[in-house]
Amino acid sequence: MSRSASIVVLFFISLSMTCTRHTPPSADAVLANYFQPTTLSDTTHLELPDENLTPIAGDTIPTTLFFRTLGPLMQQVDYIVDSTSSVVVALQRFPLNERYDGCLVHLTQNWFKHQSVLLFDKQTQRFTERFTVGEWYGGEGGQILIGSWLFDYNGDGNNDLVCRTIEHSTTLSTNDEVEEKWAESAELLLWQKSTWKKNTVDSATLVKNYPIRSVW
């Protein structure tokens, strides 16, 4: 074989090895694989379960992987002070449209409970945003409970979010008697292009039409 022919052969061998070399998956893609694929019903109620009746079922995600990968997205959950003591469980992964999946994750720290839907861009293999859909936290003076509804609110073919909140507080009256107060509210987030965005709507109507289970 001539020298020029050998160079050509070596070139094609090198090219073949380059084409077959696999790029390692990103940390986001590794994390996404913890979530079990599922298909949602037309209307899905996302609410913290009574763990005495329905234990949390899913794969436990190493806290180092989870918070290293999603640290900036989780900063809004301000009561997760020491992430190393949290327990993170991957629940479900479901399609929102051709490009985006939603990943439902459950976090426990002490008695605080939290659930988020993480948006996963299948094209870029990255998590892009986080939305609180379930929560139960607070202290002796007050607690907050959050639950959500996932469905096509405006009939455009995309799943939207109704996020419901119940706030409970206790105060001492002038007669030193304990007074309990409750306040309920709701937010509507419509899917627009690549994310959910808040929309102005009558909160009282949402509170009435989309209830969540109160613990009080």
N, C-alpha and C. Protein backbone atom coordinates (compact mmCIF):
# COMPACT_ATOMS: atom_id res chain seq x y z
N MET A 1 0.85 -1.19 0.00
CA MET A 1 0.00 0.00 0.00
C MET A 1 0.88 1.23 0.00
N SER A 2 0.56 2.19 -0.87
CA SER A 2 1.35 3.39 -0.96
C SER A 2 1.17 4.25 0.28
N ARG A 3 2.10 5.20 0.45
CA ARG A 3 2.04 6.08 1.62
C ARG A 3 0.77 6.91 1.61
N SER A 4 0.36 7.42 0.45
CA SER A 4 -0.85 8.26 0.35
C SER A 4 -2.09 7.44 0.67
N ALA A 5 -2.11 6.17 0.22
CA ALA A 5 -3.26 5.31 0.50
C ALA A 5 -3.35 5.02 2.00
N SER A 6 -2.19 4.83 2.64
CA SER A 6 -2.18 4.58 4.09
C SER A 6 -2.73 5.76 4.86
N ILE A 7 -2.39 6.97 4.40
CA ILE A 7 -2.88 8.18 5.06
C ILE A 7 -4.40 8.27 4.95
N VAL A 8 -4.91 7.92 3.77
CA VAL A 8 -6.36 7.95 3.57
C VAL A 8 -7.06 6.95 4.49
N VAL A 9 -6.49 5.74 4.58
CA VAL A 9 -7.07 4.71 5.45
C VAL A 9 -7.08 5.18 6.90
N LEU A 10 -5.94 5.71 7.35
CA LEU A 10 -5.85 6.19 8.73
C LEU A 10 -6.83 7.32 9.00
N PHE A 11 -7.04 8.18 7.99
CA PHE A 11 -7.99 9.29 8.14
C PHE A 11 -9.40 8.77 8.38
N PHE A 12 -9.81 7.76 7.58
CA PHE A 12 -11.16 7.24 7.71
C PHE A 12 -11.34 6.45 9.01
N ILE A 13 -10.28 5.78 9.47
CA ILE A 13 -10.35 5.09 10.76
C ILE A 13 -10.55 6.10 11.89
N SER A 14 -9.77 7.18 11.83
CA SER A 14 -9.86 8.23 12.84
C SER A 14 -11.24 8.87 12.83
N LEU A 15 -11.76 9.11 11.61
CA LEU A 15 -13.09 9.72 11.48
C LEU A 15 -14.16 8.81 12.06
N SER A 16 -14.03 7.50 11.80
CA SER A 16 -15.00 6.54 12.32
C SER A 16 -14.99 6.50 13.83
N MET A 17 -13.79 6.54 14.43
CA MET A 17 -13.69 6.52 15.89
C MET A 17 -14.28 7.78 16.49
N THR A 18 -14.11 8.91 15.81
CA THR A 18 -14.66 10.17 16.30
C THR A 18 -16.18 10.15 16.27
N CYS A 19 -16.73 9.59 15.19
CA CYS A 19 -18.19 9.57 15.03
C CYS A 19 -18.86 8.62 16.02
N THR A 20 -18.15 7.55 16.41
CA THR A 20 -18.78 6.57 17.29
C THR A 20 -18.52 6.86 18.76
N ARG A 21 -17.67 7.88 19.05
CA ARG A 21 -17.39 8.24 20.44
C ARG A 21 -18.64 8.87 21.05
N HIS A 22 -19.11 8.34 22.19
CA HIS A 22 -20.34 8.83 22.81
C HIS A 22 -20.04 9.98 23.78
N THR A 23 -20.85 11.02 23.68
CA THR A 23 -20.73 12.13 24.62
C THR A 23 -21.43 11.74 25.91
N PRO A 24 -20.75 11.87 27.04
CA PRO A 24 -21.39 11.49 28.31
C PRO A 24 -22.62 12.36 28.58
N PRO A 25 -23.67 11.79 29.16
CA PRO A 25 -24.88 12.57 29.42
C PRO A 25 -24.62 13.67 30.43
N SER A 26 -25.38 14.76 30.32
CA SER A 26 -25.25 15.86 31.26
C SER A 26 -25.81 15.44 32.62
N ALA A 27 -25.46 16.19 33.66
CA ALA A 27 -25.99 15.91 34.99
C ALA A 27 -27.51 16.02 34.99
N ASP A 28 -28.05 16.96 34.20
CA ASP A 28 -29.50 17.11 34.09
C ASP A 28 -30.14 15.85 33.53
N ALA A 29 -29.53 15.28 32.49
CA ALA A 29 -30.08 14.07 31.87
C ALA A 29 -30.00 12.89 32.82
N VAL A 30 -28.91 12.78 33.57
CA VAL A 30 -28.78 11.72 34.56
C VAL A 30 -29.88 11.85 35.61
N LEU A 31 -30.11 13.07 36.06
CA LEU A 31 -31.15 13.32 37.06
C LEU A 31 -32.53 13.00 36.51
N ALA A 32 -32.80 13.35 35.27
CA ALA A 32 -34.11 13.11 34.67
C ALA A 32 -34.43 11.62 34.60
N ASN A 33 -33.41 10.79 34.49
CA ASN A 33 -33.63 9.34 34.38
C ASN A 33 -34.12 8.71 35.67
N TYR A 34 -34.05 9.44 36.78
CA TYR A 34 -34.57 8.92 38.04
C TYR A 34 -36.10 8.91 38.06
N PHE A 35 -36.73 9.71 37.22
CA PHE A 35 -38.18 9.86 37.23
C PHE A 35 -38.84 8.82 36.34
N GLN A 36 -39.86 8.15 36.87
CA GLN A 36 -40.55 7.11 36.12
C GLN A 36 -41.57 7.71 35.16
N PRO A 37 -41.49 7.37 33.85
CA PRO A 37 -42.44 7.92 32.87
C PRO A 37 -43.87 7.50 33.19
N THR A 38 -44.79 8.42 33.01
CA THR A 38 -46.21 8.13 33.22
C THR A 38 -47.02 9.00 32.28
N THR A 39 -48.29 8.65 32.13
CA THR A 39 -49.21 9.45 31.32
C THR A 39 -50.25 10.06 32.23
N LEU A 40 -50.44 11.36 32.13
CA LEU A 40 -51.38 12.04 32.99
C LEU A 40 -52.81 11.86 32.49
N SER A 41 -53.75 11.95 33.42
CA SER A 41 -55.15 12.02 33.04
C SER A 41 -55.44 13.45 32.58
N ASP A 42 -56.64 13.67 32.08
CA ASP A 42 -57.00 15.01 31.60
C ASP A 42 -56.89 16.06 32.70
N THR A 43 -57.22 15.66 33.92
CA THR A 43 -57.11 16.55 35.08
C THR A 43 -56.36 15.81 36.18
N THR A 44 -55.25 16.38 36.62
CA THR A 44 -54.43 15.75 37.64
C THR A 44 -54.37 16.64 38.87
N HIS A 45 -54.72 16.06 40.02
CA HIS A 45 -54.67 16.79 41.28
C HIS A 45 -53.32 16.50 41.93
N LEU A 46 -52.49 17.53 42.07
CA LEU A 46 -51.17 17.39 42.68
C LEU A 46 -51.26 17.89 44.11
N GLU A 47 -51.17 16.96 45.06
CA GLU A 47 -51.33 17.32 46.45
C GLU A 47 -50.49 16.38 47.32
N LEU A 48 -49.96 16.92 48.40
CA LEU A 48 -49.18 16.08 49.30
C LEU A 48 -50.06 14.98 49.88
N PRO A 49 -49.63 13.72 49.78
CA PRO A 49 -50.45 12.62 50.29
C PRO A 49 -50.31 12.48 51.80
N ASP A 50 -51.27 11.82 52.38
CA ASP A 50 -51.15 11.40 53.77
C ASP A 50 -50.22 10.18 53.78
N GLU A 51 -48.98 10.38 54.23
CA GLU A 51 -47.98 9.32 54.11
C GLU A 51 -48.29 8.12 54.99
N ASN A 52 -49.21 8.27 55.96
CA ASN A 52 -49.62 7.12 56.75
C ASN A 52 -50.50 6.18 55.93
N LEU A 53 -51.20 6.77 54.93
CA LEU A 53 -52.09 5.98 54.08
C LEU A 53 -51.45 5.65 52.73
N THR A 54 -50.70 6.62 52.19
CA THR A 54 -50.07 6.45 50.88
C THR A 54 -48.60 6.83 50.98
N PRO A 55 -47.71 5.87 51.24
CA PRO A 55 -46.28 6.17 51.33
C PRO A 55 -45.75 6.75 50.03
N ILE A 56 -44.76 7.61 50.14
CA ILE A 56 -44.12 8.18 48.97
C ILE A 56 -43.38 7.08 48.22
N ALA A 57 -43.71 6.90 46.95
CA ALA A 57 -43.11 5.83 46.15
C ALA A 57 -42.33 6.44 44.99
N GLY A 58 -41.06 6.10 44.92
CA GLY A 58 -40.22 6.58 43.84
C GLY A 58 -38.76 6.30 44.16
N ASP A 59 -37.89 6.69 43.24
CA ASP A 59 -36.46 6.48 43.44
C ASP A 59 -35.87 7.64 44.22
N THR A 60 -35.09 7.33 45.24
CA THR A 60 -34.43 8.37 46.02
C THR A 60 -33.24 8.92 45.23
N ILE A 61 -33.18 10.23 45.11
CA ILE A 61 -32.10 10.89 44.37
C ILE A 61 -31.02 11.31 45.36
N PRO A 62 -29.75 11.03 45.09
CA PRO A 62 -28.68 11.52 45.97
C PRO A 62 -28.76 13.04 46.09
N THR A 63 -28.72 13.53 47.32
CA THR A 63 -28.86 14.98 47.53
C THR A 63 -27.75 15.76 46.84
N THR A 64 -26.54 15.19 46.81
CA THR A 64 -25.44 15.89 46.16
C THR A 64 -25.73 16.11 44.68
N LEU A 65 -26.20 15.07 43.99
CA LEU A 65 -26.54 15.20 42.57
C LEU A 65 -27.68 16.20 42.38
N PHE A 66 -28.72 16.09 43.20
CA PHE A 66 -29.91 16.93 43.02
C PHE A 66 -29.59 18.41 43.22
N PHE A 67 -28.96 18.76 44.34
CA PHE A 67 -28.73 20.17 44.64
C PHE A 67 -27.57 20.75 43.84
N ARG A 68 -26.60 19.92 43.47
CA ARG A 68 -25.53 20.41 42.61
C ARG A 68 -26.07 20.75 41.23
N THR A 69 -27.01 19.95 40.76
CA THR A 69 -27.58 20.15 39.43
C THR A 69 -28.62 21.26 39.42
N LEU A 70 -29.46 21.31 40.46
CA LEU A 70 -30.61 22.22 40.45
C LEU A 70 -30.51 23.32 41.50
N GLY A 71 -29.31 23.54 42.02
CA GLY A 71 -29.14 24.54 43.08
C GLY A 71 -29.82 25.87 42.81
N PRO A 72 -29.57 26.52 41.67
CA PRO A 72 -30.20 27.81 41.40
C PRO A 72 -31.72 27.75 41.35
N LEU A 73 -32.29 26.64 40.84
CA LEU A 73 -33.74 26.53 40.76
C LEU A 73 -34.36 26.31 42.13
N MET A 74 -33.63 25.69 43.06
CA MET A 74 -34.18 25.37 44.37
C MET A 74 -34.00 26.49 45.39
N GLN A 75 -33.29 27.54 45.04
CA GLN A 75 -33.04 28.62 45.99
C GLN A 75 -34.32 29.30 46.46
N GLN A 76 -35.37 29.25 45.65
CA GLN A 76 -36.63 29.88 46.03
C GLN A 76 -37.32 29.14 47.17
N VAL A 77 -36.97 27.88 47.39
CA VAL A 77 -37.53 27.12 48.50
C VAL A 77 -36.67 27.45 49.72
N ASP A 78 -36.99 28.57 50.37
CA ASP A 78 -36.06 29.17 51.33
C ASP A 78 -35.89 28.38 52.62
N TYR A 79 -36.80 27.45 52.93
CA TYR A 79 -36.65 26.73 54.20
C TYR A 79 -35.72 25.51 54.07
N ILE A 80 -35.26 25.21 52.88
CA ILE A 80 -34.28 24.12 52.73
C ILE A 80 -32.91 24.73 52.99
N VAL A 81 -32.57 24.84 54.28
CA VAL A 81 -31.33 25.49 54.67
C VAL A 81 -30.15 24.54 54.50
N ASP A 82 -30.30 23.34 55.03
CA ASP A 82 -29.23 22.34 54.96
C ASP A 82 -29.68 21.24 54.01
N SER A 83 -29.27 21.33 52.76
CA SER A 83 -29.75 20.39 51.76
C SER A 83 -29.28 18.97 52.03
N THR A 84 -28.18 18.81 52.79
CA THR A 84 -27.65 17.48 53.04
C THR A 84 -28.59 16.65 53.90
N SER A 85 -29.48 17.31 54.66
CA SER A 85 -30.40 16.57 55.52
C SER A 85 -31.74 16.32 54.85
N SER A 86 -31.92 16.76 53.63
CA SER A 86 -33.16 16.56 52.90
C SER A 86 -33.21 15.16 52.31
N VAL A 87 -34.42 14.65 52.15
CA VAL A 87 -34.65 13.40 51.42
C VAL A 87 -35.37 13.77 50.13
N VAL A 88 -34.81 13.39 49.00
CA VAL A 88 -35.34 13.78 47.69
C VAL A 88 -35.80 12.52 46.96
N VAL A 89 -37.07 12.50 46.54
CA VAL A 89 -37.62 11.33 45.86
C VAL A 89 -38.18 11.75 44.50
N ALA A 90 -37.76 11.06 43.45
CA ALA A 90 -38.28 11.30 42.10
C ALA A 90 -39.60 10.54 41.96
N LEU A 91 -40.68 11.25 41.64
CA LEU A 91 -41.98 10.61 41.56
C LEU A 91 -42.36 10.25 40.12
N GLN A 92 -42.65 11.25 39.29
CA GLN A 92 -43.16 10.97 37.95
C GLN A 92 -42.51 11.88 36.92
N ARG A 93 -42.50 11.39 35.68
CA ARG A 93 -42.10 12.20 34.53
C ARG A 93 -43.19 12.07 33.48
N PHE A 94 -43.71 13.19 33.03
CA PHE A 94 -44.84 13.15 32.10
C PHE A 94 -44.66 14.20 31.01
N PRO A 95 -45.13 13.89 29.79
CA PRO A 95 -44.98 14.85 28.69
C PRO A 95 -45.95 16.02 28.83
N LEU A 96 -45.44 17.22 28.61
CA LEU A 96 -46.27 18.42 28.55
C LEU A 96 -46.57 18.80 27.10
N ASN A 97 -45.58 18.60 26.24
CA ASN A 97 -45.75 18.79 24.80
C ASN A 97 -44.58 18.07 24.12
N GLU A 98 -44.38 18.31 22.84
CA GLU A 98 -43.34 17.59 22.11
C GLU A 98 -41.94 17.88 22.64
N ARG A 99 -41.74 19.06 23.20
CA ARG A 99 -40.39 19.46 23.62
C ARG A 99 -40.15 19.31 25.12
N TYR A 100 -41.18 19.53 25.93
CA TYR A 100 -40.97 19.60 27.37
C TYR A 100 -41.66 18.47 28.12
N ASP A 101 -40.95 17.94 29.12
CA ASP A 101 -41.51 17.02 30.09
C ASP A 101 -41.60 17.72 31.43
N GLY A 102 -42.55 17.27 32.25
CA GLY A 102 -42.61 17.71 33.63
C GLY A 102 -42.13 16.59 34.54
N CYS A 103 -41.29 16.91 35.51
CA CYS A 103 -40.78 15.92 36.47
C CYS A 103 -41.23 16.33 37.87
N LEU A 104 -42.01 15.46 38.51
CA LEU A 104 -42.55 15.75 39.84
C LEU A 104 -41.62 15.17 40.90
N VAL A 105 -41.11 16.05 41.77
CA VAL A 105 -40.16 15.64 42.80
C VAL A 105 -40.72 15.96 44.18
N HIS A 106 -40.42 15.09 45.15
CA HIS A 106 -40.88 15.25 46.53
C HIS A 106 -39.67 15.41 47.45
N LEU A 107 -39.71 16.47 48.28
CA LEU A 107 -38.62 16.71 49.23
C LEU A 107 -39.16 16.74 50.65
N THR A 108 -38.39 16.15 51.56
CA THR A 108 -38.73 16.17 52.97
C THR A 108 -37.53 16.67 53.76
N GLN A 109 -37.77 17.64 54.63
CA GLN A 109 -36.73 18.09 55.56
C GLN A 109 -37.41 18.36 56.90
N ASN A 110 -37.01 17.58 57.91
CA ASN A 110 -37.72 17.59 59.19
C ASN A 110 -39.18 17.26 58.92
N TRP A 111 -40.11 18.11 59.35
CA TRP A 111 -41.52 17.83 59.04
C TRP A 111 -42.00 18.62 57.83
N PHE A 112 -41.13 19.45 57.26
CA PHE A 112 -41.51 20.22 56.08
C PHE A 112 -41.60 19.30 54.87
N LYS A 113 -42.65 19.48 54.07
CA LYS A 113 -42.84 18.69 52.85
C LYS A 113 -42.96 19.64 51.66
N HIS A 114 -42.40 19.21 50.55
CA HIS A 114 -42.42 20.07 49.36
C HIS A 114 -42.46 19.22 48.10
N GLN A 115 -43.26 19.67 47.12
CA GLN A 115 -43.26 19.05 45.80
C GLN A 115 -43.14 20.13 44.73
N SER A 116 -42.30 19.86 43.76
CA SER A 116 -42.12 20.76 42.62
C SER A 116 -42.30 19.99 41.32
N VAL A 117 -42.77 20.70 40.29
CA VAL A 117 -42.69 20.20 38.92
C VAL A 117 -41.51 20.90 38.26
N LEU A 118 -40.56 20.11 37.79
CA LEU A 118 -39.39 20.63 37.09
C LEU A 118 -39.61 20.50 35.60
N LEU A 119 -39.38 21.57 34.87
CA LEU A 119 -39.51 21.52 33.41
C LEU A 119 -38.21 21.03 32.80
N PHE A 120 -38.31 19.95 32.00
CA PHE A 120 -37.13 19.37 31.35
C PHE A 120 -37.24 19.54 29.85
N ASP A 121 -36.28 20.25 29.27
CA ASP A 121 -36.22 20.49 27.82
C ASP A 121 -35.55 19.29 27.17
N LYS A 122 -36.34 18.49 26.45
CA LYS A 122 -35.81 17.28 25.84
C LYS A 122 -34.83 17.59 24.71
N GLN A 123 -34.93 18.77 24.13
CA GLN A 123 -34.03 19.12 23.04
C GLN A 123 -32.64 19.46 23.55
N THR A 124 -32.57 20.24 24.61
CA THR A 124 -31.27 20.63 25.16
C THR A 124 -30.82 19.71 26.29
N GLN A 125 -31.72 18.81 26.74
CA GLN A 125 -31.43 17.90 27.85
C GLN A 125 -31.07 18.68 29.12
N ARG A 126 -31.84 19.73 29.39
CA ARG A 126 -31.61 20.58 30.56
C ARG A 126 -32.92 20.85 31.29
N PHE A 127 -32.82 21.01 32.62
CA PHE A 127 -33.94 21.52 33.39
C PHE A 127 -33.94 23.03 33.29
N THR A 128 -35.11 23.60 33.00
CA THR A 128 -35.17 25.03 32.74
C THR A 128 -35.86 25.83 33.84
N GLU A 129 -36.90 25.26 34.47
CA GLU A 129 -37.62 26.01 35.50
C GLU A 129 -38.21 25.06 36.53
N ARG A 130 -38.66 25.65 37.65
CA ARG A 130 -39.26 24.89 38.74
C ARG A 130 -40.51 25.60 39.23
N PHE A 131 -41.56 24.81 39.52
CA PHE A 131 -42.81 25.37 40.02
C PHE A 131 -43.28 24.59 41.24
N THR A 132 -43.54 25.30 42.34
CA THR A 132 -44.08 24.65 43.53
C THR A 132 -45.52 24.23 43.29
N VAL A 133 -45.81 22.95 43.50
CA VAL A 133 -47.18 22.45 43.30
C VAL A 133 -47.75 21.83 44.58
N GLY A 134 -46.91 21.59 45.58
CA GLY A 134 -47.37 21.04 46.84
C GLY A 134 -46.42 21.42 47.95
N GLU A 135 -46.99 21.77 49.11
CA GLU A 135 -46.12 22.20 50.20
C GLU A 135 -46.86 22.17 51.53
N TRP A 136 -46.10 21.95 52.60
CA TRP A 136 -46.64 21.95 53.96
C TRP A 136 -45.49 22.32 54.88
N TYR A 137 -45.53 23.55 55.40
CA TYR A 137 -44.44 23.99 56.25
C TYR A 137 -44.90 25.13 57.14
N GLY A 138 -44.05 25.51 58.09
CA GLY A 138 -44.37 26.61 58.99
C GLY A 138 -43.87 26.33 60.39
N GLY A 139 -44.50 26.98 61.35
CA GLY A 139 -44.13 26.82 62.75
C GLY A 139 -45.34 26.89 63.64
N GLU A 140 -45.12 27.13 64.94
CA GLU A 140 -46.23 27.15 65.88
C GLU A 140 -47.20 28.29 65.60
N GLY A 141 -46.70 29.42 65.13
CA GLY A 141 -47.56 30.57 64.90
C GLY A 141 -48.33 30.54 63.60
N GLY A 142 -47.96 29.66 62.69
CA GLY A 142 -48.66 29.60 61.41
C GLY A 142 -48.07 28.57 60.48
N GLN A 143 -48.90 28.08 59.59
CA GLN A 143 -48.47 27.09 58.62
C GLN A 143 -49.08 27.42 57.26
N ILE A 144 -48.45 26.90 56.23
CA ILE A 144 -48.92 27.10 54.86
C ILE A 144 -49.05 25.75 54.17
N LEU A 145 -50.19 25.56 53.52
CA LEU A 145 -50.45 24.32 52.77
C LEU A 145 -50.71 24.70 51.31
N ILE A 146 -50.06 24.00 50.39
CA ILE A 146 -50.21 24.27 48.95
C ILE A 146 -50.56 22.99 48.22
N GLY A 147 -51.46 23.07 47.28
CA GLY A 147 -51.81 21.99 46.38
C GLY A 147 -52.11 22.56 45.02
N SER A 148 -52.16 21.73 43.99
CA SER A 148 -52.34 22.25 42.63
C SER A 148 -53.21 21.34 41.78
N TRP A 149 -53.69 21.91 40.68
CA TRP A 149 -54.44 21.18 39.67
C TRP A 149 -53.74 21.41 38.33
N LEU A 150 -53.51 20.33 37.60
CA LEU A 150 -52.85 20.38 36.30
C LEU A 150 -53.82 19.91 35.23
N PHE A 151 -54.20 20.81 34.32
CA PHE A 151 -55.17 20.47 33.27
C PHE A 151 -55.19 21.60 32.24
N ASP A 152 -55.91 21.40 31.16
CA ASP A 152 -56.01 22.41 30.10
C ASP A 152 -57.11 23.40 30.47
N TYR A 153 -56.74 24.49 31.10
CA TYR A 153 -57.72 25.45 31.63
C TYR A 153 -58.42 26.22 30.51
N ASN A 154 -57.66 26.65 29.49
CA ASN A 154 -58.24 27.53 28.47
C ASN A 154 -58.52 26.84 27.14
N GLY A 155 -58.37 25.51 27.10
CA GLY A 155 -58.75 24.77 25.91
C GLY A 155 -57.84 24.93 24.71
N ASP A 156 -56.57 25.31 24.95
CA ASP A 156 -55.65 25.47 23.81
C ASP A 156 -54.80 24.24 23.55
N GLY A 157 -55.06 23.15 24.28
CA GLY A 157 -54.32 21.92 24.08
C GLY A 157 -53.11 21.77 24.97
N ASN A 158 -52.79 22.77 25.78
CA ASN A 158 -51.64 22.71 26.70
C ASN A 158 -52.11 22.60 28.14
N ASN A 159 -51.36 21.87 28.94
CA ASN A 159 -51.68 21.77 30.36
C ASN A 159 -51.31 23.06 31.08
N ASP A 160 -52.23 23.54 31.91
CA ASP A 160 -52.02 24.73 32.71
C ASP A 160 -52.03 24.35 34.18
N LEU A 161 -51.68 25.29 35.06
CA LEU A 161 -51.60 25.04 36.49
C LEU A 161 -52.50 25.99 37.26
N VAL A 162 -53.26 25.43 38.20
CA VAL A 162 -53.94 26.23 39.21
C VAL A 162 -53.28 25.86 40.54
N CYS A 163 -52.63 26.83 41.17
CA CYS A 163 -51.94 26.60 42.44
C CYS A 163 -52.76 27.21 43.58
N ARG A 164 -53.09 26.37 44.54
CA ARG A 164 -53.95 26.76 45.67
C ARG A 164 -53.16 26.82 46.96
N THR A 165 -53.48 27.83 47.78
CA THR A 165 -52.78 28.02 49.05
C THR A 165 -53.78 28.25 50.17
N ILE A 166 -53.54 27.57 51.31
CA ILE A 166 -54.28 27.85 52.54
C ILE A 166 -53.26 28.25 53.60
N GLU A 167 -53.46 29.43 54.19
CA GLU A 167 -52.59 29.92 55.25
C GLU A 167 -53.33 29.89 56.58
N HIS A 168 -52.69 29.33 57.58
CA HIS A 168 -53.28 29.22 58.92
C HIS A 168 -52.37 29.95 59.91
N SER A 169 -52.98 30.74 60.78
CA SER A 169 -52.19 31.46 61.78
C SER A 169 -52.93 31.50 63.10
N THR A 170 -52.18 31.65 64.18
CA THR A 170 -52.76 31.78 65.52
C THR A 170 -52.19 33.03 66.18
N THR A 171 -53.06 33.80 66.82
CA THR A 171 -52.65 35.01 67.52
C THR A 171 -53.35 35.08 68.87
N LEU A 172 -52.81 35.89 69.76
CA LEU A 172 -53.44 36.11 71.05
C LEU A 172 -54.29 37.36 71.00
N SER A 173 -55.55 37.25 71.45
CA SER A 173 -56.44 38.40 71.49
C SER A 173 -56.11 39.27 72.69
N THR A 174 -56.80 40.37 72.80
CA THR A 174 -56.58 41.26 73.95
C THR A 174 -56.95 40.58 75.27
N ASN A 175 -57.77 39.55 75.20
CA ASN A 175 -58.14 38.78 76.39
C ASN A 175 -57.24 37.57 76.59
N ASP A 176 -56.12 37.55 75.87
CA ASP A 176 -55.17 36.44 75.94
C ASP A 176 -55.78 35.11 75.51
N GLU A 177 -56.74 35.19 74.62
CA GLU A 177 -57.32 33.98 74.06
C GLU A 177 -56.71 33.73 72.68
N VAL A 178 -56.52 32.46 72.37
CA VAL A 178 -55.93 32.10 71.08
C VAL A 178 -56.98 32.23 69.98
N GLU A 179 -56.65 32.99 68.96
CA GLU A 179 -57.54 33.14 67.81
C GLU A 179 -56.89 32.50 66.59
N GLU A 180 -57.66 31.69 65.90
CA GLU A 180 -57.18 31.05 64.68
C GLU A 180 -57.74 31.77 63.45
N LYS A 181 -56.90 31.90 62.45
CA LYS A 181 -57.32 32.55 61.22
C LYS A 181 -56.87 31.70 60.02
N TRP A 182 -57.71 31.71 58.99
CA TRP A 182 -57.39 31.01 57.75
C TRP A 182 -57.56 31.97 56.57
N ALA A 183 -56.72 31.85 55.60
CA ALA A 183 -56.84 32.63 54.37
C ALA A 183 -56.54 31.72 53.19
N GLU A 184 -57.41 31.76 52.18
CA GLU A 184 -57.22 30.93 51.00
C GLU A 184 -57.02 31.80 49.76
N SER A 185 -56.16 31.35 48.88
CA SER A 185 -55.90 32.08 47.64
C SER A 185 -55.56 31.09 46.54
N ALA A 186 -55.47 31.60 45.32
CA ALA A 186 -55.16 30.74 44.17
C ALA A 186 -54.50 31.56 43.07
N GLU A 187 -53.67 30.89 42.28
CA GLU A 187 -53.03 31.50 41.13
C GLU A 187 -53.26 30.63 39.90
N LEU A 188 -53.45 31.28 38.76
CA LEU A 188 -53.58 30.58 37.49
C LEU A 188 -52.32 30.82 36.68
N LEU A 189 -51.69 29.72 36.25
CA LEU A 189 -50.51 29.80 35.40
C LEU A 189 -50.83 29.10 34.08
N LEU A 190 -50.86 29.86 33.00
CA LEU A 190 -51.15 29.32 31.68
C LEU A 190 -49.85 29.02 30.94
N TRP A 191 -49.86 27.91 30.19
CA TRP A 191 -48.68 27.55 29.41
C TRP A 191 -48.55 28.48 28.21
N GLN A 192 -47.38 29.12 28.11
CA GLN A 192 -47.11 30.03 27.00
C GLN A 192 -45.71 29.76 26.46
N LYS A 193 -45.64 29.21 25.26
CA LYS A 193 -44.40 28.90 24.54
C LYS A 193 -43.57 27.84 25.26
N SER A 194 -42.87 28.19 26.33
CA SER A 194 -41.93 27.24 26.94
C SER A 194 -42.01 27.21 28.46
N THR A 195 -43.08 27.80 29.02
CA THR A 195 -43.18 27.85 30.47
C THR A 195 -44.60 28.20 30.88
N TRP A 196 -44.85 28.13 32.21
CA TRP A 196 -46.12 28.60 32.75
C TRP A 196 -45.95 30.04 33.21
N LYS A 197 -46.93 30.88 32.90
CA LYS A 197 -46.88 32.28 33.30
C LYS A 197 -48.18 32.66 34.02
N LYS A 198 -48.02 33.49 35.06
CA LYS A 198 -49.17 33.90 35.87
C LYS A 198 -50.12 34.75 35.04
N ASN A 199 -51.42 34.52 35.25
CA ASN A 199 -52.45 35.28 34.58
C ASN A 199 -53.42 35.84 35.60
N THR A 200 -53.95 37.01 35.29
CA THR A 200 -54.90 37.65 36.18
C THR A 200 -56.26 36.97 36.04
N VAL A 201 -56.80 36.54 37.16
CA VAL A 201 -58.09 35.87 37.17
C VAL A 201 -58.67 36.01 38.57
N ASP A 202 -59.97 35.86 38.70
CA ASP A 202 -60.63 35.98 40.00
C ASP A 202 -60.19 34.84 40.91
N SER A 203 -59.42 35.17 41.95
CA SER A 203 -58.90 34.16 42.86
C SER A 203 -60.01 33.44 43.59
N ALA A 204 -61.08 34.15 43.96
CA ALA A 204 -62.19 33.53 44.71
C ALA A 204 -62.85 32.42 43.90
N THR A 205 -62.96 32.61 42.60
CA THR A 205 -63.56 31.59 41.75
C THR A 205 -62.68 30.35 41.69
N LEU A 206 -61.36 30.55 41.57
CA LEU A 206 -60.45 29.42 41.55
C LEU A 206 -60.47 28.66 42.89
N VAL A 207 -60.54 29.40 43.98
CA VAL A 207 -60.60 28.78 45.31
C VAL A 207 -61.83 27.89 45.42
N LYS A 208 -62.94 28.38 44.90
CA LYS A 208 -64.19 27.62 44.98
C LYS A 208 -64.18 26.39 44.07
N ASN A 209 -63.66 26.55 42.87
CA ASN A 209 -63.75 25.48 41.87
C ASN A 209 -62.65 24.42 41.99
N TYR A 210 -61.53 24.77 42.62
CA TYR A 210 -60.40 23.84 42.69
C TYR A 210 -59.93 23.71 44.14
N PRO A 211 -60.65 22.93 44.92
CA PRO A 211 -60.31 22.78 46.35
C PRO A 211 -59.09 21.89 46.57
N ILE A 212 -58.47 22.06 47.74
CA ILE A 212 -57.44 21.14 48.19
C ILE A 212 -57.82 20.67 49.59
N ARG A 213 -57.25 19.54 49.96
CA ARG A 213 -57.60 18.94 51.25
C ARG A 213 -56.94 19.68 52.38
N SER A 214 -57.74 20.25 53.29
CA SER A 214 -57.20 20.98 54.43
C SER A 214 -56.78 20.00 55.53
N VAL A 215 -55.74 20.33 56.26
CA VAL A 215 -55.27 19.48 57.35
C VAL A 215 -55.75 20.00 58.71
N TRP A 216 -56.52 21.09 58.70
CA TRP A 216 -57.00 21.65 59.96
C TRP A 216 -58.44 21.26 60.21
